[in-house]
Amino acid sequence: MSNTEVTTIILILCIIIAVAAYSLSFLIKKKNTEDNH
């Protein structure tokens, strides 16, 4: 694999991880607010 392909894969992985982390934190916040009510 060339360096460009490796860089692209790493970027895609970082984006996926960022989106997953954002989704998880959003779900946790939503769950916490529901528990408070």
PDB file of N, CA and C in Angstrom:
ATOM      1  N   MET A   1       0.842  -1.201   0.000  1.00  0.00           N
ATOM      2  CA  MET A   1       0.000   0.000   0.000  1.00  0.00           C
ATOM      3  C   MET A   1       0.879   1.254   0.000  1.00  0.00           C
ATOM      4  N   SER A   2       0.409   2.269  -0.709  1.00  0.00           N
ATOM      5  CA  SER A   2       1.167   3.512  -0.771  1.00  0.00           C
ATOM      6  C   SER A   2       0.868   4.382   0.447  1.00  0.00           C
ATOM      7  N   ASN A   3       1.706   5.396   0.638  1.00  0.00           N
ATOM      8  CA  ASN A   3       1.515   6.289   1.785  1.00  0.00           C
ATOM      9  C   ASN A   3       0.170   7.003   1.715  1.00  0.00           C
ATOM     10  N   THR A   4      -0.260   7.352   0.489  1.00  0.00           N
ATOM     11  CA  THR A   4      -1.538   8.061   0.338  1.00  0.00           C
ATOM     12  C   THR A   4      -2.685   7.200   0.832  1.00  0.00           C
ATOM     13  N   GLU A   5      -2.668   5.911   0.477  1.00  0.00           N
ATOM     14  CA  GLU A   5      -3.736   5.003   0.909  1.00  0.00           C
ATOM     15  C   GLU A   5      -3.745   4.879   2.427  1.00  0.00           C
ATOM     16  N   VAL A   6      -2.568   4.744   3.026  1.00  0.00           N
ATOM     17  CA  VAL A   6      -2.474   4.614   4.484  1.00  0.00           C
ATOM     18  C   VAL A   6      -3.026   5.867   5.161  1.00  0.00           C
ATOM     19  N   THR A   7      -2.632   7.037   4.655  1.00  0.00           N
ATOM     20  CA  THR A   7      -3.108   8.299   5.234  1.00  0.00           C
ATOM     21  C   THR A   7      -4.619   8.401   5.133  1.00  0.00           C
ATOM     22  N   THR A   8      -5.172   8.009   3.980  1.00  0.00           N
ATOM     23  CA  THR A   8      -6.629   8.072   3.782  1.00  0.00           C
ATOM     24  C   THR A   8      -7.337   7.157   4.763  1.00  0.00           C
ATOM     25  N   ILE A   9      -6.817   5.934   4.932  1.00  0.00           N
ATOM     26  CA  ILE A   9      -7.434   4.970   5.856  1.00  0.00           C
ATOM     27  C   ILE A   9      -7.394   5.511   7.284  1.00  0.00           C
ATOM     28  N   ILE A  10      -6.261   6.090   7.685  1.00  0.00           N
ATOM     29  CA  ILE A  10      -6.134   6.638   9.041  1.00  0.00           C
ATOM     30  C   ILE A  10      -7.123   7.782   9.244  1.00  0.00           C
ATOM     31  N   LEU A  11      -7.261   8.647   8.228  1.00  0.00           N
ATOM     32  CA  LEU A  11      -8.205   9.765   8.328  1.00  0.00           C
ATOM     33  C   LEU A  11      -9.623   9.257   8.481  1.00  0.00           C
ATOM     34  N   ILE A  12      -9.999   8.262   7.668  1.00  0.00           N
ATOM     35  CA  ILE A  12     -11.351   7.694   7.733  1.00  0.00           C
ATOM     36  C   ILE A  12     -11.589   7.082   9.114  1.00  0.00           C
ATOM     37  N   LEU A  13     -10.599   6.349   9.629  1.00  0.00           N
ATOM     38  CA  LEU A  13     -10.731   5.742  10.958  1.00  0.00           C
ATOM     39  C   LEU A  13     -10.918   6.816  12.025  1.00  0.00           C
ATOM     40  N   CYS A  14     -10.141   7.897  11.931  1.00  0.00           N
ATOM     41  CA  CYS A  14     -10.262   8.982  12.914  1.00  0.00           C
ATOM     42  C   CYS A  14     -11.654   9.588  12.870  1.00  0.00           C
ATOM     43  N   ILE A  15     -12.192   9.779  11.652  1.00  0.00           N
ATOM     44  CA  ILE A  15     -13.532  10.360  11.508  1.00  0.00           C
ATOM     45  C   ILE A  15     -14.569   9.424  12.109  1.00  0.00           C
ATOM     46  N   ILE A  16     -14.438   8.119  11.832  1.00  0.00           N
ATOM     47  CA  ILE A  16     -15.392   7.137  12.366  1.00  0.00           C
ATOM     48  C   ILE A  16     -15.349   7.144  13.892  1.00  0.00           C
ATOM     49  N   ILE A  17     -14.136   7.166  14.460  1.00  0.00           N
ATOM     50  CA  ILE A  17     -13.990   7.167  15.920  1.00  0.00           C
ATOM     51  C   ILE A  17     -14.589   8.445  16.506  1.00  0.00           C
ATOM     52  N   ALA A  18     -14.347   9.581  15.849  1.00  0.00           N
ATOM     53  CA  ALA A  18     -14.878  10.858  16.336  1.00  0.00           C
ATOM     54  C   ALA A  18     -16.401  10.843  16.326  1.00  0.00           C
ATOM     55  N   VAL A  19     -16.983  10.346  15.238  1.00  0.00           N
ATOM     56  CA  VAL A  19     -18.447  10.283  15.131  1.00  0.00           C
ATOM     57  C   VAL A  19     -19.007   9.339  16.187  1.00  0.00           C
ATOM     58  N   ALA A  20     -18.352   8.188  16.375  1.00  0.00           N
ATOM     59  CA  ALA A  20     -18.819   7.216  17.365  1.00  0.00           C
ATOM     60  C   ALA A  20     -18.749   7.813  18.774  1.00  0.00           C
ATOM     61  N   ALA A  21     -17.669   8.498  19.089  1.00  0.00           N
ATOM     62  CA  ALA A  21     -17.518   9.106  20.410  1.00  0.00           C
ATOM     63  C   ALA A  21     -18.574  10.186  20.625  1.00  0.00           C
ATOM     64  N   TYR A  22     -18.837  10.994  19.583  1.00  0.00           N
ATOM     65  CA  TYR A  22     -19.859  12.041  19.685  1.00  0.00           C
ATOM     66  C   TYR A  22     -21.232  11.420  19.908  1.00  0.00           C
ATOM     67  N   SER A  23     -21.531  10.368  19.161  1.00  0.00           N
ATOM     68  CA  SER A  23     -22.829   9.690  19.303  1.00  0.00           C
ATOM     69  C   SER A  23     -22.978   9.107  20.705  1.00  0.00           C
ATOM     70  N   LEU A  24     -21.908   8.486  21.209  1.00  0.00           N
ATOM     71  CA  LEU A  24     -21.957   7.890  22.546  1.00  0.00           C
ATOM     72  C   LEU A  24     -22.198   8.954  23.608  1.00  0.00           C
ATOM     73  N   SER A  25     -21.461  10.060  23.539  1.00  0.00           N
ATOM     74  CA  SER A  25     -21.626  11.120  24.536  1.00  0.00           C
ATOM     75  C   SER A  25     -23.028  11.709  24.452  1.00  0.00           C
ATOM     76  N   PHE A  26     -23.566  11.825  23.229  1.00  0.00           N
ATOM     77  CA  PHE A  26     -24.926  12.350  23.062  1.00  0.00           C
ATOM     78  C   PHE A  26     -25.938  11.407  23.696  1.00  0.00           C
ATOM     79  N   LEU A  27     -25.762  10.100  23.462  1.00  0.00           N
ATOM     80  CA  LEU A  27     -26.682   9.113  24.039  1.00  0.00           C
ATOM     81  C   LEU A  27     -26.598   9.115  25.561  1.00  0.00           C
ATOM     82  N   ILE A  28     -25.377   9.228  26.099  1.00  0.00           N
ATOM     83  CA  ILE A  28     -25.198   9.229  27.554  1.00  0.00           C
ATOM     84  C   ILE A  28     -25.873  10.467  28.157  1.00  0.00           C
ATOM     85  N   LYS A  29     -25.693  11.635  27.520  1.00  0.00           N
ATOM     86  CA  LYS A  29     -26.339  12.859  28.007  1.00  0.00           C
ATOM     87  C   LYS A  29     -27.854  12.691  27.987  1.00  0.00           C
ATOM     88  N   LYS A  30     -28.367  12.131  26.894  1.00  0.00           N
ATOM     89  CA  LYS A  30     -29.809  11.936  26.762  1.00  0.00           C
ATOM     90  C   LYS A  30     -30.311  11.004  27.871  1.00  0.00           C
ATOM     91  N   LYS A  31     -29.574   9.929  28.128  1.00  0.00           N
ATOM     92  CA  LYS A  31     -29.954   8.971  29.164  1.00  0.00           C
ATOM     93  C   LYS A  31     -29.940   9.651  30.536  1.00  0.00           C
ATOM     94  N   ASN A  32     -28.928  10.464  30.800  1.00  0.00           N
ATOM     95  CA  ASN A  32     -28.832  11.144  32.093  1.00  0.00           C
ATOM     96  C   ASN A  32     -30.003  12.096  32.307  1.00  0.00           C
ATOM     97  N   THR A  33     -30.389  12.830  31.274  1.00  0.00           N
ATOM     98  CA  THR A  33     -31.494  13.779  31.420  1.00  0.00           C
ATOM     99  C   THR A  33     -32.793  13.020  31.644  1.00  0.00           C
ATOM    100  N   GLU A  34     -32.954  11.873  30.995  1.00  0.00           N
ATOM    101  CA  GLU A  34     -34.165  11.071  31.192  1.00  0.00           C
ATOM    102  C   GLU A  34     -34.209  10.523  32.619  1.00  0.00           C
ATOM    103  N   ASP A  35     -33.052  10.123  33.156  1.00  0.00           N
ATOM    104  CA  ASP A  35     -32.999   9.594  34.524  1.00  0.00           C
ATOM    105  C   ASP A  35     -33.364  10.677  35.544  1.00  0.00           C
ATOM    106  N   ASN A  36     -32.986  11.922  35.270  1.00  0.00           N
ATOM    107  CA  ASN A  36     -33.248  13.016  36.214  1.00  0.00           C
ATOM    108  C   ASN A  36     -34.733  13.313  36.334  1.00  0.00           C
ATOM    109  N   HIS A  37     -35.492  13.106  35.292  1.00  0.00           N
ATOM    110  CA  HIS A  37     -36.930  13.431  35.317  1.00  0.00           C
ATOM    111  C   HIS A  37     -37.721  12.428  36.139  1.00  0.00           C
TER     112      HIS A  37
END
